[in-house]
């Protein structure tokens, strides 16, 4: 990812859930219907879509104003940018991206009733698909596994065939010619080379399994396996499920080494720090690969340790709600916290909810709304992964060079 705002340090801190995006100033109040109080410039569509997905999955019907805010972000040609401050103005096509559009399709497909918006968006996505079957963050760039994984989830939501796109993911997987510890991982392309990335691996595993961000907890538990490199072509012959299983085996090893969570190293630091967001992504990816036991172990770690990271952050709370769903856990009792109510408190009053707030929930609401929103999904703006080779600054929220 190119950092056109020269914010590598902010990007890395955000990936670890430690950076706080400034709240909107009194001079620029947030539009009605939007979840969270942080500046939506880089992640408005992303966090709104995530919130709608999580609430719908938890049995809460989002307010009409929340859905209308998201549909109002769509450009005339069907694509979505990260954020449109003035929806009365025509979009600059250069600002539209596959990640915002892909997650918006998933969210609007889930809540229902927006078929025309969804069709325009999916038509746009298919029109900007690369010849290799994958997608870049902005149309015209080289395909990457993160963007491809997001769009696969969108097309699966509208029941389109994605096999060619799933096959394209294999080009990003490290095989028998890589170091043993890296085999099975997926890499993010940067400057003509692939860099091992747990984030890219989680997105690719989910995509290779034909899954979106909402994954139902599997009823069976399987072990992830990477092929035996006694044959140097072992990875080349894998089908999509086999490639996903090898990627999941890599994630499992990384999670086990971290004591149930993934880590990254911020610029200027010499010690790894827990990477909450990518750990949540990995939980969903492993559940999609039917690795329920490993996914549950990592979700338990998140439920115990992620309260500070997720507080006041709609995207982070949504990730945790969806990770709970993927592992069969109750997001209304995650380590004693009601994640669903916390998320509900950050937006307009829902049209309907599966349960009303308790006294403790009301206390949480008072506390939650007093702070500014920390933004994991500026990771949507700046994606950083670091495993062994320093920092990979890659791309969900910026155009690839």
Protein backbone atom coordinates (compact mmCIF):
# COMPACT_ATOMS: atom_id res chain seq x y z
CA UNK A 1 0.00 0.00 0.00
CA UNK A 2 1.35 3.43 -0.76
CA UNK A 3 1.02 5.88 2.10
CA UNK A 4 0.09 9.08 0.33
CA UNK A 5 -0.24 10.78 3.69
CA UNK A 6 3.11 9.50 4.97
CA UNK A 7 1.60 7.89 8.04
CA UNK A 8 3.43 4.63 8.50
CA UNK A 9 3.61 4.99 12.26
CA UNK A 10 -0.09 5.75 12.52
CA UNK A 11 -0.88 2.84 10.24
CA UNK A 12 1.07 0.38 12.34
CA UNK A 13 -0.38 1.63 15.60
CA UNK A 14 -3.87 1.45 14.16
CA UNK A 15 -3.41 -2.14 13.05
CA UNK A 16 -2.75 -2.98 16.67
CA UNK A 17 -5.79 -1.04 17.79
CA UNK A 18 -3.74 1.57 19.61
CA UNK A 19 -4.28 4.64 17.46
CA UNK A 20 -7.27 6.89 17.84
CA UNK A 21 -8.72 8.72 14.87
CA UNK A 22 -9.80 12.23 15.78
CA UNK A 23 -13.49 12.64 16.40
CA UNK A 24 -15.37 14.90 14.04
CA UNK A 25 -15.10 18.50 15.15
CA UNK A 26 -18.03 20.64 16.16
CA UNK A 27 -17.64 22.46 12.85
CA UNK A 28 -18.07 19.23 10.89
CA UNK A 29 -20.70 17.18 12.72
CA UNK A 30 -21.14 13.57 11.76
CA UNK A 31 -24.03 12.79 9.42
CA UNK A 32 -27.09 11.14 10.98
CA UNK A 33 -27.21 7.38 10.77
CA UNK A 34 -23.46 6.80 10.89
CA UNK A 35 -21.97 4.47 13.53
CA UNK A 36 -19.11 5.78 15.61
CA UNK A 37 -17.77 9.25 16.39
CA UNK A 38 -14.42 9.07 14.61
CA UNK A 39 -13.60 10.91 11.41
CA UNK A 40 -15.15 8.77 8.64
CA UNK A 41 -12.89 10.03 5.86
CA UNK A 42 -11.02 6.77 5.44
CA UNK A 43 -13.38 4.16 6.85
CA UNK A 44 -16.96 5.44 6.80
CA UNK A 45 -18.41 2.89 4.40
CA UNK A 46 -16.27 0.11 5.85
CA UNK A 47 -17.27 0.57 9.48
CA UNK A 48 -20.92 1.22 8.62
CA UNK A 49 -21.13 -1.96 6.57
CA UNK A 50 -19.39 -3.94 9.29
CA UNK A 51 -21.84 -2.60 11.90
CA UNK A 52 -24.89 -3.49 9.80
CA UNK A 53 -23.55 -7.00 9.22
CA UNK A 54 -22.79 -7.59 12.90
CA UNK A 55 -26.08 -6.23 14.19
CA UNK A 56 -28.13 -8.16 11.64
CA UNK A 57 -26.25 -11.34 12.52
CA UNK A 58 -26.96 -10.72 16.22
CA UNK A 59 -30.69 -10.35 15.59
CA UNK A 60 -30.85 -6.55 15.71
CA UNK A 61 -32.60 -4.68 12.89
CA UNK A 62 -30.55 -1.55 12.15
CA UNK A 63 -32.35 1.78 11.90
CA UNK A 64 -33.54 2.85 8.47
CA UNK A 65 -31.31 5.91 8.79
CA UNK A 66 -28.25 3.66 9.18
CA UNK A 67 -29.07 1.73 6.03
CA UNK A 68 -29.92 4.94 4.16
CA UNK A 69 -26.57 6.44 5.13
CA UNK A 70 -24.79 3.52 3.53
CA UNK A 71 -26.86 3.41 0.34
CA UNK A 72 -26.38 7.17 0.01
CA UNK A 73 -22.64 6.63 -0.30
CA UNK A 74 -22.98 4.73 -3.58
CA UNK A 75 -21.69 6.42 -6.72
CA UNK A 76 -23.71 6.66 -9.92
CA UNK A 77 -21.79 3.82 -11.57
CA UNK A 78 -22.41 1.47 -8.63
CA UNK A 79 -19.09 1.60 -6.83
CA UNK A 80 -18.52 2.87 -3.29
CA UNK A 81 -15.65 5.06 -2.05
CA UNK A 82 -14.34 5.00 1.50
CA UNK A 83 -16.49 8.04 2.24
CA UNK A 84 -18.43 10.74 0.40
CA UNK A 85 -18.63 13.88 2.49
CA UNK A 86 -20.97 15.56 0.01
CA UNK A 87 -23.30 13.07 -1.64
CA UNK A 88 -24.77 15.83 -3.80
CA UNK A 89 -21.53 15.94 -5.77
CA UNK A 90 -20.64 13.35 -8.39
CA UNK A 91 -18.02 10.82 -7.37
CA UNK A 92 -14.45 10.96 -8.51
CA UNK A 93 -14.02 7.48 -10.02
CA UNK A 94 -10.50 7.34 -8.61
CA UNK A 95 -11.91 7.26 -5.08
CA UNK A 96 -14.06 4.17 -5.62
CA UNK A 97 -12.62 0.95 -4.26
CA UNK A 98 -13.39 -2.75 -4.30
CA UNK A 99 -13.09 -3.20 -0.54
CA UNK A 100 -15.69 -0.61 0.42
CA UNK A 101 -17.95 -1.85 -2.38
CA UNK A 102 -17.45 -5.50 -1.48
CA UNK A 103 -18.33 -5.12 2.18
CA UNK A 104 -21.26 -2.81 1.35
CA UNK A 105 -22.69 -5.53 -0.90
CA UNK A 106 -22.37 -8.06 1.91
CA UNK A 107 -24.08 -5.73 4.41
CA UNK A 108 -26.93 -4.64 2.13
CA UNK A 109 -27.54 -8.20 0.97
CA UNK A 110 -27.84 -9.25 4.61
CA UNK A 111 -30.29 -6.55 5.72
CA UNK A 112 -32.34 -6.98 2.53
CA UNK A 113 -34.62 -4.67 0.59
CA UNK A 114 -31.88 -2.96 -1.41
CA UNK A 115 -31.71 -5.16 -4.49
CA UNK A 116 -31.18 -2.31 -6.96
CA UNK A 117 -28.27 -0.89 -4.97
CA UNK A 118 -26.72 -4.34 -4.58
CA UNK A 119 -27.06 -5.14 -8.29
CA UNK A 120 -25.39 -1.88 -9.35
CA UNK A 121 -22.56 -2.54 -6.91
CA UNK A 122 -22.00 -6.14 -8.01
CA UNK A 123 -22.13 -5.10 -11.65
CA UNK A 124 -19.43 -2.56 -10.90
CA UNK A 125 -17.32 -5.17 -9.11
CA UNK A 126 -17.52 -7.62 -11.99
CA UNK A 127 -16.69 -4.84 -14.45
CA UNK A 128 -13.40 -4.06 -12.68
CA UNK A 129 -12.29 -7.67 -12.15
CA UNK A 130 -8.78 -8.25 -13.48
CA UNK A 131 -8.01 -10.79 -16.18
CA UNK A 132 -6.44 -13.11 -13.60
CA UNK A 133 -9.80 -13.33 -11.81
CA UNK A 134 -8.79 -11.16 -8.86
CA UNK A 135 -9.20 -7.56 -7.76
CA UNK A 136 -6.98 -4.70 -6.67
CA UNK A 137 -7.99 -2.14 -4.07
CA UNK A 138 -8.63 0.50 -6.75
CA UNK A 139 -9.51 -0.61 -10.29
CA UNK A 140 -6.56 -0.81 -12.64
CA UNK A 141 -3.99 -2.08 -10.16
CA UNK A 142 -2.55 -5.54 -9.75
CA UNK A 143 -4.71 -8.06 -7.92
CA UNK A 144 -4.12 -8.66 -4.23
CA UNK A 145 -5.45 -11.41 -1.94
CA UNK A 146 -7.12 -9.05 0.55
CA UNK A 147 -9.28 -7.28 -2.02
CA UNK A 148 -9.99 -10.52 -3.84
CA UNK A 149 -11.12 -12.18 -0.61
CA UNK A 150 -13.51 -9.32 0.19
CA UNK A 151 -15.08 -9.31 -3.27
CA UNK A 152 -15.45 -13.09 -3.34
CA UNK A 153 -17.53 -12.74 -0.18
CA UNK A 154 -19.69 -10.13 -1.89
CA UNK A 155 -20.31 -12.22 -4.99
CA UNK A 156 -21.07 -15.30 -2.92
CA UNK A 157 -23.68 -13.22 -1.08
CA UNK A 158 -25.49 -12.62 -4.37
CA UNK A 159 -24.95 -16.21 -5.52
CA UNK A 160 -22.49 -15.55 -8.34
CA UNK A 161 -19.88 -18.09 -9.37
CA UNK A 162 -16.46 -17.30 -7.91
CA UNK A 163 -14.38 -20.35 -8.78
CA UNK A 164 -12.05 -18.49 -11.16
CA UNK A 165 -11.46 -15.84 -8.53
CA UNK A 166 -10.79 -18.46 -5.88
CA UNK A 167 -8.28 -20.11 -8.21
CA UNK A 168 -6.50 -16.77 -8.65
CA UNK A 169 -5.68 -16.66 -4.94
CA UNK A 170 -3.20 -19.49 -5.33
CA UNK A 171 -0.78 -17.11 -7.05
CA UNK A 172 -0.22 -15.44 -3.68
CA UNK A 173 0.49 -18.58 -1.66
CA UNK A 174 3.95 -19.57 -0.47
CA UNK A 175 4.75 -23.15 -1.40
CA UNK A 176 7.54 -25.68 -1.16
CA UNK A 177 10.22 -23.27 -2.34
CA UNK A 178 9.58 -21.02 0.69
CA UNK A 179 11.00 -21.38 4.16
CA UNK A 180 9.18 -24.16 6.04
CA UNK A 181 7.65 -21.68 8.50
CA UNK A 182 6.16 -19.64 5.63
CA UNK A 183 4.66 -22.47 3.63
CA UNK A 184 0.91 -22.15 3.25
CA UNK A 185 0.89 -18.45 4.05
CA UNK A 186 -0.44 -15.95 1.54
CA UNK A 187 1.56 -12.85 0.75
CA UNK A 188 0.72 -9.29 -0.14
CA UNK A 189 2.33 -8.06 -3.38
CA UNK A 190 4.53 -5.05 -2.87
CA UNK A 191 7.14 -3.68 -5.25
CA UNK A 192 6.93 -6.82 -7.35
CA UNK A 193 7.45 -9.21 -4.44
CA UNK A 194 5.23 -11.11 -2.06
CA UNK A 195 5.64 -10.50 1.67
CA UNK A 196 4.22 -13.04 4.10
CA UNK A 197 1.15 -11.61 5.78
CA UNK A 198 -1.21 -13.08 8.35
CA UNK A 199 -3.82 -10.54 7.27
CA UNK A 200 -3.61 -11.57 3.62
CA UNK A 201 -3.67 -15.22 4.71
CA UNK A 202 -6.87 -14.78 6.72
CA UNK A 203 -8.59 -12.96 3.86
CA UNK A 204 -7.42 -15.52 1.31
CA UNK A 205 -8.48 -18.51 3.42
CA UNK A 206 -11.93 -17.02 3.78
CA UNK A 207 -12.11 -16.31 0.06
CA UNK A 208 -10.82 -19.72 -0.94
CA UNK A 209 -13.59 -21.21 1.19
CA UNK A 210 -16.18 -19.02 -0.52
CA UNK A 211 -17.05 -17.21 2.70
CA UNK A 212 -17.86 -13.62 3.52
CA UNK A 213 -17.49 -11.90 6.87
CA UNK A 214 -20.45 -13.78 8.33
CA UNK A 215 -19.53 -17.41 9.00
CA UNK A 216 -21.78 -19.80 10.88
CA UNK A 217 -20.00 -21.94 13.46
CA UNK A 218 -19.17 -25.34 11.92
CA UNK A 219 -20.76 -28.44 13.38
CA UNK A 220 -17.62 -30.52 12.82
CA UNK A 221 -14.02 -29.87 13.72
CA UNK A 222 -11.23 -30.63 11.27
CA UNK A 223 -7.48 -30.18 11.34
CA UNK A 224 -5.80 -27.85 8.86
CA UNK A 225 -3.13 -29.48 6.74
CA UNK A 226 -0.38 -28.29 4.44
CA UNK A 227 0.85 -30.63 1.72
CA UNK A 228 3.98 -32.73 2.09
CA UNK A 229 6.80 -31.05 0.22
CA UNK A 230 8.42 -34.36 -0.60
CA UNK A 231 7.01 -33.41 -3.98
CA UNK A 232 8.15 -29.90 -4.97
CA UNK A 233 4.88 -29.36 -6.86
CA UNK A 234 2.66 -30.27 -3.90
CA UNK A 235 1.19 -26.78 -3.54
CA UNK A 236 0.69 -26.32 -7.27
CA UNK A 237 -1.81 -29.16 -7.42
CA UNK A 238 -4.00 -27.93 -4.56
CA UNK A 239 -7.62 -27.05 -5.22
CA UNK A 240 -9.22 -24.07 -3.45
CA UNK A 241 -10.17 -25.98 -0.28
CA UNK A 242 -6.68 -27.46 -0.15
CA UNK A 243 -5.07 -24.03 -0.50
CA UNK A 244 -7.38 -22.73 2.25
CA UNK A 245 -6.41 -25.61 4.53
CA UNK A 246 -2.71 -24.94 4.00
CA UNK A 247 -3.26 -21.25 4.77
CA UNK A 248 -5.22 -22.18 7.86
CA UNK A 249 -2.36 -24.41 9.00
CA UNK A 250 -0.05 -21.40 8.78
CA UNK A 251 -2.47 -19.27 10.80
CA UNK A 252 -2.80 -22.02 13.39
CA UNK A 253 0.96 -22.14 13.85
CA UNK A 254 1.14 -18.37 14.26
CA UNK A 255 -1.75 -18.28 16.72
CA UNK A 256 -0.25 -21.11 18.76
CA UNK A 257 3.13 -19.39 18.87
CA UNK A 258 1.43 -16.22 20.12
CA UNK A 259 -0.51 -17.96 22.87
CA UNK A 260 -3.81 -17.77 21.02
CA UNK A 261 -3.34 -14.49 19.20
CA UNK A 262 -1.33 -12.91 16.41
CA UNK A 263 1.30 -10.24 16.94
CA UNK A 264 2.94 -7.46 14.99
CA UNK A 265 5.73 -4.98 15.66
CA UNK A 266 5.13 -1.25 15.38
CA UNK A 267 7.75 1.00 13.75
CA UNK A 268 10.40 1.98 16.24
CA UNK A 269 9.51 -0.85 18.61
CA UNK A 270 11.56 -3.97 19.22
CA UNK A 271 8.87 -6.20 20.73
CA UNK A 272 5.70 -7.62 19.18
CA UNK A 273 2.32 -6.38 20.34
CA UNK A 274 -1.01 -8.24 20.13
CA UNK A 275 -2.75 -7.74 16.79
CA UNK A 276 -6.41 -7.90 17.81
CA UNK A 277 -7.95 -7.16 14.44
CA UNK A 278 -6.06 -9.76 12.46
CA UNK A 279 -6.65 -12.28 15.24
CA UNK A 280 -10.39 -11.71 14.83
CA UNK A 281 -10.01 -12.12 11.07
CA UNK A 282 -8.14 -15.37 11.66
CA UNK A 283 -10.90 -16.69 13.94
CA UNK A 284 -13.47 -16.23 11.18
CA UNK A 285 -11.15 -17.71 8.56
CA UNK A 286 -10.47 -20.79 10.67
CA UNK A 287 -14.18 -21.26 11.32
CA UNK A 288 -14.78 -21.07 7.56
CA UNK A 289 -12.19 -23.84 7.24
CA UNK A 290 -14.02 -25.88 9.93
CA UNK A 291 -11.25 -25.51 12.52
CA UNK A 292 -13.64 -24.89 15.36
CA UNK A 293 -11.37 -25.78 18.28
CA UNK A 294 -8.53 -23.49 17.23
CA UNK A 295 -10.98 -20.70 16.38
CA UNK A 296 -12.64 -21.03 19.80
CA UNK A 297 -9.30 -20.83 21.60
CA UNK A 298 -8.40 -17.58 19.86
CA UNK A 299 -11.87 -16.14 20.33
CA UNK A 300 -11.61 -16.86 24.05
CA UNK A 301 -8.38 -14.87 24.11
CA UNK A 302 -10.08 -11.97 22.33
CA UNK A 303 -13.07 -12.02 24.68
CA UNK A 304 -10.70 -11.75 27.61
CA UNK A 305 -8.24 -9.19 26.28
CA UNK A 306 -9.78 -6.93 23.62
CA UNK A 307 -12.02 -4.59 25.65
CA UNK A 308 -9.67 -1.61 25.49
CA UNK A 309 -9.03 -2.11 21.78
CA UNK A 310 -12.70 -2.34 20.85
CA UNK A 311 -14.17 0.31 23.14
CA UNK A 312 -16.09 2.93 21.19
CA UNK A 313 -14.93 1.39 17.90
CA UNK A 314 -17.81 0.14 15.72
CA UNK A 315 -15.65 -1.84 13.31
CA UNK A 316 -13.70 -3.55 16.08
CA UNK A 317 -16.87 -4.41 17.99
CA UNK A 318 -18.35 -5.76 14.77
CA UNK A 319 -15.34 -7.97 14.22
CA UNK A 320 -15.74 -9.39 17.71
CA UNK A 321 -19.48 -9.96 17.25
CA UNK A 322 -18.84 -11.84 14.02
CA UNK A 323 -15.98 -13.82 15.58
CA UNK A 324 -18.34 -14.85 18.38
CA UNK A 325 -20.94 -15.91 15.84
CA UNK A 326 -18.36 -17.92 13.88
CA UNK A 327 -17.41 -19.88 16.99
CA UNK A 328 -20.88 -20.41 18.44
CA UNK A 329 -20.33 -17.98 21.30
CA UNK A 330 -22.77 -15.39 22.61
CA UNK A 331 -21.67 -11.84 21.67
CA UNK A 332 -24.00 -10.53 24.37
CA UNK A 333 -21.79 -12.16 26.98
CA UNK A 334 -18.21 -11.92 25.82
CA UNK A 335 -16.08 -12.07 28.91
CA UNK A 336 -18.95 -10.42 30.74
CA UNK A 337 -19.42 -7.68 28.12
CA UNK A 338 -22.41 -7.23 25.83
CA UNK A 339 -20.71 -6.50 22.52
CA UNK A 340 -24.02 -6.15 20.69
CA UNK A 341 -25.29 -3.49 23.06
CA UNK A 342 -21.99 -1.64 22.93
CA UNK A 343 -22.22 -1.56 19.15
CA UNK A 344 -25.88 -0.57 19.21
CA UNK A 345 -25.00 2.34 21.49
CA UNK A 346 -22.66 3.80 18.85
CA UNK A 347 -25.37 4.42 16.26
CA UNK A 348 -29.01 5.30 15.75
CA UNK A 349 -31.63 3.47 17.77
CA UNK A 350 -32.35 0.19 15.98
CA UNK A 351 -35.72 -0.58 14.48
CA UNK A 352 -35.87 -3.73 16.57
CA UNK A 353 -33.53 -5.58 18.88
CA UNK A 354 -33.47 -9.12 20.15
CA UNK A 355 -33.18 -7.91 23.75
CA UNK A 356 -33.33 -4.62 25.61
CA UNK A 357 -30.37 -3.16 27.49
CA UNK A 358 -29.76 -4.21 31.06
CA UNK A 359 -28.69 -1.85 33.82
CA UNK A 360 -25.06 -2.74 33.15
CA UNK A 361 -25.59 -2.11 29.43
CA UNK A 362 -26.92 1.36 30.21
CA UNK A 363 -23.80 2.04 32.24
CA UNK A 364 -21.71 0.82 29.33
CA UNK A 365 -23.58 3.18 27.01
CA UNK A 366 -22.77 6.19 29.17
CA UNK A 367 -19.13 5.16 29.27
CA UNK A 368 -18.89 4.26 25.58
CA UNK A 369 -20.32 7.50 24.26
CA UNK A 370 -17.94 9.61 26.32
CA UNK A 371 -14.90 8.58 24.34
CA UNK A 372 -13.77 9.05 20.78
CA UNK A 373 -13.83 6.04 18.50
CA UNK A 374 -10.61 4.15 18.13
CA UNK A 375 -10.45 2.91 14.61
CA UNK A 376 -9.20 -0.51 13.76
CA UNK A 377 -10.59 0.02 10.29
CA UNK A 378 -8.35 2.76 9.38
CA UNK A 379 -6.60 -0.58 8.87
CA UNK A 380 -8.91 -0.33 6.02
CA UNK A 381 -6.84 2.75 5.27
CA UNK A 382 -3.46 1.48 6.30
CA UNK A 383 -2.80 -2.26 6.45
CA UNK A 384 0.37 -3.35 8.19
CA UNK A 385 1.54 -6.82 8.83
CA UNK A 386 4.88 -7.84 10.20
CA UNK A 387 6.08 -11.40 10.43
CA UNK A 388 9.83 -11.85 10.51
CA UNK A 389 10.67 -9.36 7.78
CA UNK A 390 9.84 -6.06 9.45
CA UNK A 391 6.78 -4.22 8.26
CA UNK A 392 4.60 -4.93 5.32
CA UNK A 393 2.64 -1.80 4.57
CA UNK A 394 -0.07 -3.12 2.32
CA UNK A 395 -3.41 -2.41 1.10
CA UNK A 396 -6.96 -2.36 2.03
CA UNK A 397 -7.50 1.36 2.19
CA UNK A 398 -5.12 2.86 -0.35
CA UNK A 399 -4.37 2.50 -3.99
CA UNK A 400 -1.47 0.19 -4.73
CA UNK A 401 1.46 1.75 -6.51
